[in-house]
């Protein structure tokens, strides 16, 4: 794989590398199952830093463009590349004066800064540089006698102790440090689960959920069954009828942006208790809620030990840390010795630093600051949509998380709307909702975590202009 980044790229290098590889995947240059270069070989080819490449690869993992195989590397997930694309791609490559950087859609830069409503980006200006630098320094000083040794494959006990306290306080999670596994991301956690749940043949996932998670379960030979979470009766009936042994879901936010209701949480817990099934709760942005009373985590409501809880530092802190955590029921903890060979916790130094960061109160101060910041961005995005987009744009959930899902009433497809936006140097993203049929109004995602407040409104104004011929006369947006 040849990586050629143009010199006029805007933004940090890791974003340029991420967009470049994503474009190669979307355009079909990297086929499904193709292996990405190792970090070391890509360093030699591009002269980019290890951190830059790791961050770009992590973003590809998080968005579901690649999956990880232990001790083998990263492999492309691209099931939607059409055979007919090859001829078009050859024509693109042969065209004169065309950049080697490809993506779909390809923005035509008009001298503007690219405005990216990314679902992965977080606010870069709020990172607590001074306290993090301080705890990194102190972590090395305090543990200098242990830096030459491997750590606990389950994660450093001090950090697990701090996490148990934080999760109890913030999300109502009831656990001991011994129930926590520190990992390097959702891909790693799902791989560990695949081994712990060996013997299961079927996993249910929420419709429009994380494509990467589905792909990883499929790689481990699970039959993955999408189920709708918008119909309580049909959901529980389908789970019982199909004898589903485990359901993976994101109840704090869901793909639509609205949390799972308390009543459905109780129904799911009752189903899990009566059937012995597991609920795999991915609470990846559970820290961010903007309206209504905070609903406790499923794990906090669980009295039978049927919930597996997954959280991450990527949204509230930084994806560059590449650290997440998983809380297991005690009956699965008892199985850990049988898969210890598969456990590989992240850098001990980073874990020691995060432990100090939490012990000294920096984490809690940072969370308060970042919640306030994202609340302002969330309000700015809603207000901008209300002011500048048509009455045929509907927000499908607006109470939590770092993105909004919108439905656009138009005859155009989601890809056409994305292309219209890209032509004006704005990026928006298509919903992965498998229930959307041809002729349905398209659904799109707008992330706001990495956007500046002023850029949010500017981006929405540009979208209104770009979509003006695709939608009826502008009016007030409807919010459900």
Protein backbone atom coordinates (compact mmCIF):
# COMPACT_ATOMS: atom_id res chain seq x y z
CA UNK A 1 0.00 0.00 0.00
CA UNK A 2 1.50 3.32 -1.08
CA UNK A 3 0.72 6.28 1.17
CA UNK A 4 1.12 9.70 -0.45
CA UNK A 5 -0.14 12.66 1.59
CA UNK A 6 -0.48 15.93 -0.27
CA UNK A 7 1.33 18.87 1.28
CA UNK A 8 -1.77 21.07 1.45
CA UNK A 9 -3.61 18.82 3.92
CA UNK A 10 -5.44 20.73 6.65
CA UNK A 11 -5.40 19.65 10.29
CA UNK A 12 -3.17 17.22 12.21
CA UNK A 13 -1.18 14.53 10.42
CA UNK A 14 -3.06 11.66 12.05
CA UNK A 15 -6.32 12.98 10.55
CA UNK A 16 -4.69 13.24 7.11
CA UNK A 17 -3.44 9.66 7.35
CA UNK A 18 -6.81 8.42 8.63
CA UNK A 19 -8.70 10.13 5.80
CA UNK A 20 -6.27 8.84 3.20
CA UNK A 21 -6.55 5.18 4.26
CA UNK A 22 -10.31 5.51 4.72
CA UNK A 23 -10.53 6.83 1.16
CA UNK A 24 -8.51 3.89 -0.17
CA UNK A 25 -10.94 1.52 1.55
CA UNK A 26 -14.09 3.32 0.44
CA UNK A 27 -12.90 3.59 -3.16
CA UNK A 28 -11.99 -0.10 -3.30
CA UNK A 29 -8.21 0.24 -3.61
CA UNK A 30 -7.98 -1.75 -0.37
CA UNK A 31 -10.18 -4.82 -0.68
CA UNK A 32 -12.01 -6.60 2.11
CA UNK A 33 -9.53 -8.66 4.15
CA UNK A 34 -6.43 -6.78 2.95
CA UNK A 35 -3.79 -6.37 5.65
CA UNK A 36 -2.62 -2.89 6.58
CA UNK A 37 1.13 -2.28 6.91
CA UNK A 38 2.60 -2.63 10.38
CA UNK A 39 3.25 0.58 12.28
CA UNK A 40 7.00 0.14 11.87
CA UNK A 41 6.86 -0.40 8.11
CA UNK A 42 4.51 2.56 7.67
CA UNK A 43 6.90 4.68 9.74
CA UNK A 44 9.71 3.77 7.36
CA UNK A 45 7.58 4.54 4.32
CA UNK A 46 6.03 7.83 5.44
CA UNK A 47 8.50 9.12 8.07
CA UNK A 48 5.50 9.79 10.31
CA UNK A 49 5.75 9.27 14.06
CA UNK A 50 4.58 6.10 15.77
CA UNK A 51 1.94 8.07 17.71
CA UNK A 52 0.54 9.59 14.50
CA UNK A 53 0.15 6.19 12.86
CA UNK A 54 -1.24 4.53 16.00
CA UNK A 55 -3.88 7.25 16.37
CA UNK A 56 -4.93 7.01 12.71
CA UNK A 57 -5.15 3.21 12.93
CA UNK A 58 -7.17 3.48 16.15
CA UNK A 59 -9.66 5.80 14.45
CA UNK A 60 -10.04 3.30 11.60
CA UNK A 61 -10.67 0.58 14.19
CA UNK A 62 -13.23 2.67 16.07
CA UNK A 63 -15.15 3.55 12.90
CA UNK A 64 -15.23 -0.05 11.69
CA UNK A 65 -13.01 0.21 8.61
CA UNK A 66 -10.57 -2.39 9.95
CA UNK A 67 -10.47 -5.13 12.55
CA UNK A 68 -7.59 -6.50 14.59
CA UNK A 69 -6.27 -10.04 14.80
CA UNK A 70 -4.02 -10.73 17.80
CA UNK A 71 -0.36 -10.99 16.77
CA UNK A 72 -1.39 -10.73 13.11
CA UNK A 73 -2.25 -7.08 12.47
CA UNK A 74 -5.08 -4.96 11.11
CA UNK A 75 -7.31 -6.10 8.26
CA UNK A 76 -9.73 -4.15 6.07
CA UNK A 77 -13.50 -4.42 6.49
CA UNK A 78 -15.03 -3.46 3.14
CA UNK A 79 -18.00 -5.70 2.33
CA UNK A 80 -19.74 -3.12 0.15
CA UNK A 81 -17.15 -2.63 -2.60
CA UNK A 82 -18.90 -3.34 -5.89
CA UNK A 83 -17.06 -5.16 -8.69
CA UNK A 84 -18.01 -2.39 -11.07
CA UNK A 85 -15.98 0.05 -9.01
CA UNK A 86 -12.69 -1.29 -10.33
CA UNK A 87 -13.13 0.21 -13.79
CA UNK A 88 -14.07 3.59 -12.38
CA UNK A 89 -11.08 3.54 -10.05
CA UNK A 90 -8.72 2.80 -12.93
CA UNK A 91 -10.16 5.78 -14.79
CA UNK A 92 -9.60 7.97 -11.73
CA UNK A 93 -6.03 6.79 -11.36
CA UNK A 94 -5.30 7.43 -15.04
CA UNK A 95 -6.76 10.96 -15.04
CA UNK A 96 -4.12 13.73 -15.32
CA UNK A 97 -3.21 15.91 -12.34
CA UNK A 98 -5.20 13.75 -9.92
CA UNK A 99 -4.01 13.33 -6.36
CA UNK A 100 -3.15 9.86 -5.08
CA UNK A 101 -5.36 10.56 -2.10
CA UNK A 102 -8.87 9.17 -2.56
CA UNK A 103 -12.04 9.19 -0.51
CA UNK A 104 -15.74 8.93 -1.16
CA UNK A 105 -17.00 11.52 -1.65
CA UNK A 106 -13.90 13.52 -2.61
CA UNK A 107 -14.20 17.15 -1.52
CA UNK A 108 -13.12 19.78 -4.01
CA UNK A 109 -11.21 22.31 -1.94
CA UNK A 110 -12.34 25.86 -2.68
CA UNK A 111 -9.84 27.58 -0.44
CA UNK A 112 -11.96 26.83 2.64
CA UNK A 113 -10.97 24.87 5.69
CA UNK A 114 -12.57 21.43 5.58
CA UNK A 115 -15.40 21.26 8.12
CA UNK A 116 -15.70 17.68 9.31
CA UNK A 117 -18.68 16.63 11.43
CA UNK A 118 -16.63 13.59 12.44
CA UNK A 119 -18.13 10.97 14.73
CA UNK A 120 -14.70 10.12 16.16
CA UNK A 121 -13.04 13.46 16.82
CA UNK A 122 -12.93 14.97 20.30
CA UNK A 123 -12.08 18.50 21.37
CA UNK A 124 -8.32 18.92 21.00
CA UNK A 125 -8.02 22.28 22.75
CA UNK A 126 -9.40 21.01 26.06
CA UNK A 127 -6.75 18.33 26.61
CA UNK A 128 -5.19 18.83 30.09
CA UNK A 129 -1.58 19.05 28.93
CA UNK A 130 0.05 20.26 32.16
CA UNK A 131 -1.53 17.82 34.62
CA UNK A 132 -1.09 14.91 32.20
CA UNK A 133 2.58 15.76 31.68
CA UNK A 134 2.97 15.95 35.45
CA UNK A 135 1.43 12.55 36.16
CA UNK A 136 3.44 10.94 33.37
CA UNK A 137 6.63 12.26 34.95
CA UNK A 138 5.57 11.15 38.43
CA UNK A 139 4.42 7.74 37.21
CA UNK A 140 7.90 7.03 35.90
CA UNK A 141 9.53 8.30 39.08
CA UNK A 142 7.30 6.23 41.36
CA UNK A 143 7.56 3.03 39.32
CA UNK A 144 11.08 3.27 37.93
CA UNK A 145 11.98 -0.08 39.51
CA UNK A 146 9.17 -1.80 37.60
CA UNK A 147 9.47 -0.32 34.12
CA UNK A 148 11.48 -3.33 32.92
CA UNK A 149 8.76 -5.79 33.93
CA UNK A 150 5.52 -6.92 32.33
CA UNK A 151 2.39 -5.88 34.18
CA UNK A 152 -0.79 -7.67 35.16
CA UNK A 153 -2.41 -8.82 31.89
CA UNK A 154 -5.77 -7.80 33.37
CA UNK A 155 -4.48 -4.25 33.96
CA UNK A 156 -2.73 -2.45 36.81
CA UNK A 157 -4.61 -2.95 40.07
CA UNK A 158 -4.28 0.69 41.14
CA UNK A 159 -6.03 1.92 38.01
CA UNK A 160 -8.72 -0.75 38.30
CA UNK A 161 -9.36 0.38 41.88
CA UNK A 162 -9.77 4.01 40.76
CA UNK A 163 -12.05 2.97 37.90
CA UNK A 164 -14.29 0.94 40.22
CA UNK A 165 -14.78 4.04 42.39
CA UNK A 166 -15.39 6.35 39.45
CA UNK A 167 -17.87 4.03 37.72
CA UNK A 168 -19.85 3.61 40.94
CA UNK A 169 -20.04 7.38 41.38
CA UNK A 170 -20.73 8.36 37.76
CA UNK A 171 -22.65 5.47 36.19
CA UNK A 172 -23.91 3.42 39.12
CA UNK A 173 -21.75 0.44 38.12
CA UNK A 174 -21.29 -2.05 40.96
CA UNK A 175 -18.00 -3.90 40.71
CA UNK A 176 -14.75 -4.83 42.39
CA UNK A 177 -11.35 -4.01 40.85
CA UNK A 178 -11.00 -7.75 40.22
CA UNK A 179 -13.92 -7.59 37.76
CA UNK A 180 -12.27 -4.97 35.53
CA UNK A 181 -10.10 -5.68 32.48
CA UNK A 182 -8.07 -2.79 31.05
CA UNK A 183 -7.81 -3.00 27.26
CA UNK A 184 -6.65 -1.12 24.19
CA UNK A 185 -10.04 -0.46 22.58
CA UNK A 186 -13.36 -1.98 21.63
CA UNK A 187 -11.74 -4.36 19.17
CA UNK A 188 -9.63 -5.90 21.93
CA UNK A 189 -12.59 -6.13 24.31
CA UNK A 190 -14.77 -7.90 21.74
CA UNK A 191 -11.95 -10.34 20.99
CA UNK A 192 -11.68 -11.18 24.69
CA UNK A 193 -15.45 -11.62 24.90
CA UNK A 194 -15.40 -13.91 21.88
CA UNK A 195 -13.11 -16.25 23.81
CA UNK A 196 -15.03 -15.99 27.08
CA UNK A 197 -18.29 -16.74 25.26
CA UNK A 198 -16.83 -19.66 23.35
CA UNK A 199 -19.57 -22.20 22.79
CA UNK A 200 -22.09 -19.51 21.89
CA UNK A 201 -23.07 -19.59 18.23
CA UNK A 202 -25.23 -16.46 17.99
CA UNK A 203 -24.85 -12.83 19.09
CA UNK A 204 -27.58 -10.22 18.64
CA UNK A 205 -26.61 -6.60 17.94
CA UNK A 206 -28.72 -3.46 17.72
CA UNK A 207 -29.66 -2.40 14.21
CA UNK A 208 -27.51 0.47 12.89
CA UNK A 209 -24.93 -0.43 15.54
CA UNK A 210 -21.15 -0.40 15.28
CA UNK A 211 -20.09 -2.20 12.09
CA UNK A 212 -16.68 -3.04 13.52
CA UNK A 213 -18.24 -4.97 16.40
CA UNK A 214 -20.40 -7.03 14.06
CA UNK A 215 -17.39 -7.81 11.89
CA UNK A 216 -15.24 -8.94 14.81
CA UNK A 217 -17.93 -11.29 16.12
CA UNK A 218 -18.33 -12.67 12.60
CA UNK A 219 -14.58 -13.22 12.35
CA UNK A 220 -14.92 -15.41 15.44
CA UNK A 221 -17.61 -17.46 13.68
CA UNK A 222 -20.63 -16.05 15.49
CA UNK A 223 -23.94 -15.75 13.68
CA UNK A 224 -24.70 -12.04 14.13
CA UNK A 225 -28.41 -11.17 14.27
CA UNK A 226 -29.50 -7.49 14.06
CA UNK A 227 -32.50 -6.67 16.24
CA UNK A 228 -34.59 -3.46 16.42
CA UNK A 229 -34.62 -1.56 19.70
CA UNK A 230 -37.51 0.73 18.76
CA UNK A 231 -40.25 -1.84 19.40
CA UNK A 232 -40.29 -3.25 22.92
CA UNK A 233 -42.70 -6.11 22.33
CA UNK A 234 -41.13 -7.21 19.06
CA UNK A 235 -37.62 -7.03 20.52
CA UNK A 236 -38.27 -9.23 23.54
CA UNK A 237 -40.33 -11.64 21.44
CA UNK A 238 -37.54 -11.90 18.85
CA UNK A 239 -34.89 -12.52 21.53
CA UNK A 240 -36.98 -15.30 23.06
CA UNK A 241 -37.98 -16.86 19.75
CA UNK A 242 -34.41 -16.97 18.42
CA UNK A 243 -33.02 -18.06 21.80
CA UNK A 244 -30.38 -15.35 21.70
CA UNK A 245 -27.64 -16.01 24.31
CA UNK A 246 -26.15 -12.47 24.23
CA UNK A 247 -27.18 -9.00 23.04
CA UNK A 248 -24.68 -6.21 22.30
CA UNK A 249 -26.13 -2.70 22.63
CA UNK A 250 -25.31 0.97 23.38
CA UNK A 251 -28.17 1.96 25.70
CA UNK A 252 -26.88 5.38 26.81
CA UNK A 253 -26.95 6.87 23.34
CA UNK A 254 -27.85 4.30 20.69
CA UNK A 255 -27.16 5.20 17.06
CA UNK A 256 -30.10 7.63 17.07
CA UNK A 257 -28.79 9.72 19.96
CA UNK A 258 -31.60 8.89 22.38
CA UNK A 259 -31.04 6.64 25.40
CA UNK A 260 -32.84 3.37 25.97
CA UNK A 261 -35.89 3.89 28.16
CA UNK A 262 -35.89 2.72 31.75
CA UNK A 263 -38.81 0.36 31.07
CA UNK A 264 -37.04 -1.38 28.20
CA UNK A 265 -33.88 -1.68 30.30
CA UNK A 266 -35.91 -3.51 32.93
CA UNK A 267 -37.51 -5.76 30.31
CA UNK A 268 -34.10 -6.65 28.90
CA UNK A 269 -32.75 -7.39 32.37
CA UNK A 270 -35.75 -9.61 33.10
CA UNK A 271 -35.22 -11.45 29.80
CA UNK A 272 -31.52 -11.94 30.54
CA UNK A 273 -32.25 -13.18 34.06
CA UNK A 274 -34.90 -15.65 32.92
CA UNK A 275 -32.89 -17.00 29.99
CA UNK A 276 -29.36 -16.81 31.42
CA UNK A 277 -28.31 -14.54 28.54
CA UNK A 278 -25.77 -11.73 28.65
CA UNK A 279 -26.33 -8.05 27.89
CA UNK A 280 -23.14 -6.46 26.56
CA UNK A 281 -23.46 -2.77 27.43
CA UNK A 282 -21.15 -0.48 25.44
CA UNK A 283 -21.28 2.84 27.33
CA UNK A 284 -18.72 4.57 25.10
CA UNK A 285 -20.07 8.11 25.64
CA UNK A 286 -22.17 7.60 28.74
CA UNK A 287 -20.58 10.65 30.40
CA UNK A 288 -22.48 13.06 28.15
CA UNK A 289 -26.19 13.69 28.71
CA UNK A 290 -27.85 17.04 27.99
CA UNK A 291 -31.50 16.74 29.00
CA UNK A 292 -33.66 14.66 31.29
CA UNK A 293 -32.65 12.63 34.31
CA UNK A 294 -29.60 10.42 33.96
CA UNK A 295 -30.62 6.78 33.62
CA UNK A 296 -28.33 4.35 35.48
CA UNK A 297 -26.26 1.92 33.50
CA UNK A 298 -27.72 -1.50 32.78
CA UNK A 299 -24.95 -2.97 34.90
CA UNK A 300 -26.01 -0.82 37.84
CA UNK A 301 -29.59 -2.08 37.55
CA UNK A 302 -28.54 -5.72 37.14
CA UNK A 303 -29.00 -7.91 40.22
CA UNK A 304 -28.26 -11.28 38.60
CA UNK A 305 -24.81 -10.78 37.06
CA UNK A 306 -25.95 -10.82 33.43
CA UNK A 307 -24.43 -7.53 32.20
CA UNK A 308 -20.99 -7.05 30.68
CA UNK A 309 -20.08 -3.34 30.82
CA UNK A 310 -17.63 -1.65 28.41
CA UNK A 311 -16.32 1.92 28.69
CA UNK A 312 -13.53 3.97 27.14
CA UNK A 313 -11.21 6.94 27.66
CA UNK A 314 -11.40 7.82 23.95
CA UNK A 315 -14.42 10.14 24.14
CA UNK A 316 -13.95 11.93 27.46
CA UNK A 317 -10.14 12.10 27.25
CA UNK A 318 -8.33 11.23 24.02
CA UNK A 319 -8.28 8.35 21.50
CA UNK A 320 -4.49 8.67 21.39
CA UNK A 321 -4.30 6.94 24.79
CA UNK A 322 -5.80 3.78 23.28
CA UNK A 323 -7.25 2.60 26.57
CA UNK A 324 -10.64 1.23 27.53
CA UNK A 325 -12.06 -1.04 30.21
CA UNK A 326 -14.55 -3.86 30.62
CA UNK A 327 -16.44 -4.97 33.73
CA UNK A 328 -17.25 -8.67 33.79
CA UNK A 329 -19.74 -10.61 35.92
CA UNK A 330 -17.99 -12.82 38.48
CA UNK A 331 -18.95 -16.01 36.63
CA UNK A 332 -16.93 -14.81 33.63
CA UNK A 333 -14.05 -13.63 35.83
CA UNK A 334 -13.76 -17.24 36.98
CA UNK A 335 -13.04 -18.19 33.34
CA UNK A 336 -10.22 -15.66 32.87
CA UNK A 337 -7.38 -18.06 33.76
CA UNK A 338 -8.38 -20.21 30.77
CA UNK A 339 -7.79 -17.33 28.33
CA UNK A 340 -4.93 -15.50 30.08
CA UNK A 341 -2.79 -16.05 26.99
CA UNK A 342 -5.10 -13.68 25.10
CA UNK A 343 -4.90 -10.81 27.62
CA UNK A 344 -2.52 -7.97 26.75
CA UNK A 345 -3.10 -4.79 28.74
CA UNK A 346 -1.92 -1.37 27.45
CA UNK A 347 1.26 0.46 28.45
CA UNK A 348 1.95 0.20 32.18
CA UNK A 349 3.28 3.76 32.16
CA UNK A 350 0.02 5.10 30.73
CA UNK A 351 -1.96 3.08 33.26
CA UNK A 352 0.13 4.38 36.16
CA UNK A 353 -0.29 7.92 34.85
CA UNK A 354 -4.08 7.56 34.55
CA UNK A 355 -4.22 6.14 38.06
CA UNK A 356 -2.44 9.26 39.40
CA UNK A 357 -4.61 11.48 37.19
CA UNK A 358 -7.70 10.06 38.87
CA UNK A 359 -6.24 9.90 42.40
CA UNK A 360 -5.30 13.59 42.31
CA UNK A 361 -8.73 14.70 41.11
CA UNK A 362 -7.61 15.81 37.64
CA UNK A 363 -9.97 13.35 35.94
CA UNK A 364 -13.05 14.65 37.75
CA UNK A 365 -12.14 18.28 37.02
CA UNK A 366 -11.57 17.39 33.37
CA UNK A 367 -14.93 15.60 33.13
CA UNK A 368 -16.76 18.64 34.54
CA UNK A 369 -14.98 20.92 32.07
CA UNK A 370 -15.54 18.73 29.03
CA UNK A 371 -19.22 18.14 29.88
CA UNK A 372 -19.79 21.89 29.97
CA UNK A 373 -17.95 22.34 26.68
CA UNK A 374 -19.85 19.59 24.85
CA UNK A 375 -23.16 20.84 26.25
CA UNK A 376 -22.44 24.22 24.61
CA UNK A 377 -21.46 22.59 21.31
CA UNK A 378 -24.54 20.37 21.38
CA UNK A 379 -26.79 23.39 21.96
CA UNK A 380 -25.02 25.31 19.18
CA UNK A 381 -25.56 22.47 16.71
CA UNK A 382 -29.27 22.17 17.56
CA UNK A 383 -29.78 25.93 17.34
CA UNK A 384 -27.93 26.09 14.02
CA UNK A 385 -30.07 23.32 12.54
CA UNK A 386 -33.22 25.07 13.73
CA UNK A 387 -32.09 28.37 12.23
CA UNK A 388 -30.70 27.27 8.87
CA UNK A 389 -31.99 23.86 7.74
CA UNK A 390 -35.36 23.09 6.25
CA UNK A 391 -38.53 21.87 7.95
CA UNK A 392 -37.87 18.55 6.26
CA UNK A 393 -34.88 17.85 8.46
CA UNK A 394 -35.68 16.00 11.67
CA UNK A 395 -33.41 15.32 14.64
CA UNK A 396 -33.98 11.75 15.76
CA UNK A 397 -32.56 12.05 19.26
CA UNK A 398 -30.76 14.90 20.96
CA UNK A 399 -30.32 14.12 24.64
CA UNK A 400 -26.91 12.45 24.82
CA UNK A 401 -23.60 11.66 23.14
CA UNK A 402 -21.31 13.50 20.73
CA UNK A 403 -23.35 13.29 17.54
CA UNK A 404 -26.86 13.86 16.24
CA UNK A 405 -28.73 11.63 13.82
CA UNK A 406 -30.94 13.51 11.37
CA UNK A 407 -33.50 12.40 8.81
CA UNK A 408 -33.78 14.48 5.64
CA UNK A 409 -37.07 14.45 3.75
CA UNK A 410 -35.84 14.37 0.16
CA UNK A 411 -35.83 12.22 -2.95
CA UNK A 412 -32.03 12.22 -2.84
CA UNK A 413 -30.07 9.34 -1.31
CA UNK A 414 -27.78 9.66 1.70
CA UNK A 415 -24.72 9.35 -0.56
CA UNK A 416 -26.01 12.13 -2.80
CA UNK A 417 -26.47 14.42 0.19
CA UNK A 418 -22.97 13.53 1.38
CA UNK A 419 -21.57 14.36 -2.05
CA UNK A 420 -23.42 17.71 -2.15
CA UNK A 421 -21.92 18.56 1.23
CA UNK A 422 -18.46 17.37 0.23
CA UNK A 423 -18.52 19.59 -2.85
CA UNK A 424 -18.71 22.51 -0.40
CA UNK A 425 -15.91 21.10 1.79
CA UNK A 426 -18.18 19.79 4.54
CA UNK A 427 -18.17 16.15 5.68
CA UNK A 428 -21.24 14.41 7.07
CA UNK A 429 -21.76 10.68 7.53
CA UNK A 430 -24.34 8.11 6.50
CA UNK A 431 -26.28 6.09 9.03
CA UNK A 432 -25.51 2.36 9.09
CA UNK A 433 -29.17 1.58 9.77
CA UNK A 434 -29.90 -1.63 7.87
CA UNK A 435 -33.64 -0.99 8.20
CA UNK A 436 -33.49 2.00 5.83
CA UNK A 437 -34.94 0.83 2.52
CA UNK A 438 -34.72 2.31 -0.96
CA UNK A 439 -37.10 5.25 -1.12
CA UNK A 440 -36.94 5.95 2.63
CA UNK A 441 -35.85 9.38 3.75
CA UNK A 442 -32.07 9.20 4.26
CA UNK A 443 -30.47 9.37 7.70
CA UNK A 444 -27.19 11.15 8.36
CA UNK A 445 -24.88 11.65 11.34
CA UNK A 446 -23.40 14.97 12.46
CA UNK A 447 -20.64 14.70 15.06
CA UNK A 448 -19.69 17.81 17.00
CA UNK A 449 -17.01 16.72 19.48
CA UNK A 450 -14.05 17.90 17.41
CA UNK A 451 -15.72 21.01 15.95
CA UNK A 452 -15.17 24.56 17.15
CA UNK A 453 -18.40 26.31 18.13
CA UNK A 454 -18.13 28.87 15.36
CA UNK A 455 -17.41 26.19 12.78
CA UNK A 456 -20.54 24.28 13.80
CA UNK A 457 -22.85 27.07 12.69
CA UNK A 458 -20.75 27.81 9.61
CA UNK A 459 -20.94 24.14 8.61
CA UNK A 460 -24.72 24.04 9.01
CA UNK A 461 -25.10 27.20 6.93
CA UNK A 462 -23.04 25.59 4.18
CA UNK A 463 -25.15 22.42 4.39
CA UNK A 464 -28.31 24.48 4.02
CA UNK A 465 -26.88 26.01 0.87
CA UNK A 466 -25.56 22.69 -0.47
CA UNK A 467 -28.90 20.94 0.07
CA UNK A 468 -31.14 23.85 -0.95
CA UNK A 469 -32.17 22.22 -4.24
CA UNK A 470 -32.60 18.80 -2.63
CA UNK A 471 -35.07 19.91 0.06
CA UNK A 472 -38.20 22.09 0.15
CA UNK A 473 -38.40 25.68 1.34
CA UNK A 474 -36.44 26.27 4.59
CA UNK A 475 -38.49 26.43 7.77
CA UNK A 476 -38.22 25.28 11.36
CA UNK A 477 -36.72 21.87 12.11
CA UNK A 478 -38.84 19.34 13.98
CA UNK A 479 -37.22 17.71 17.00
CA UNK A 480 -38.50 14.47 18.47
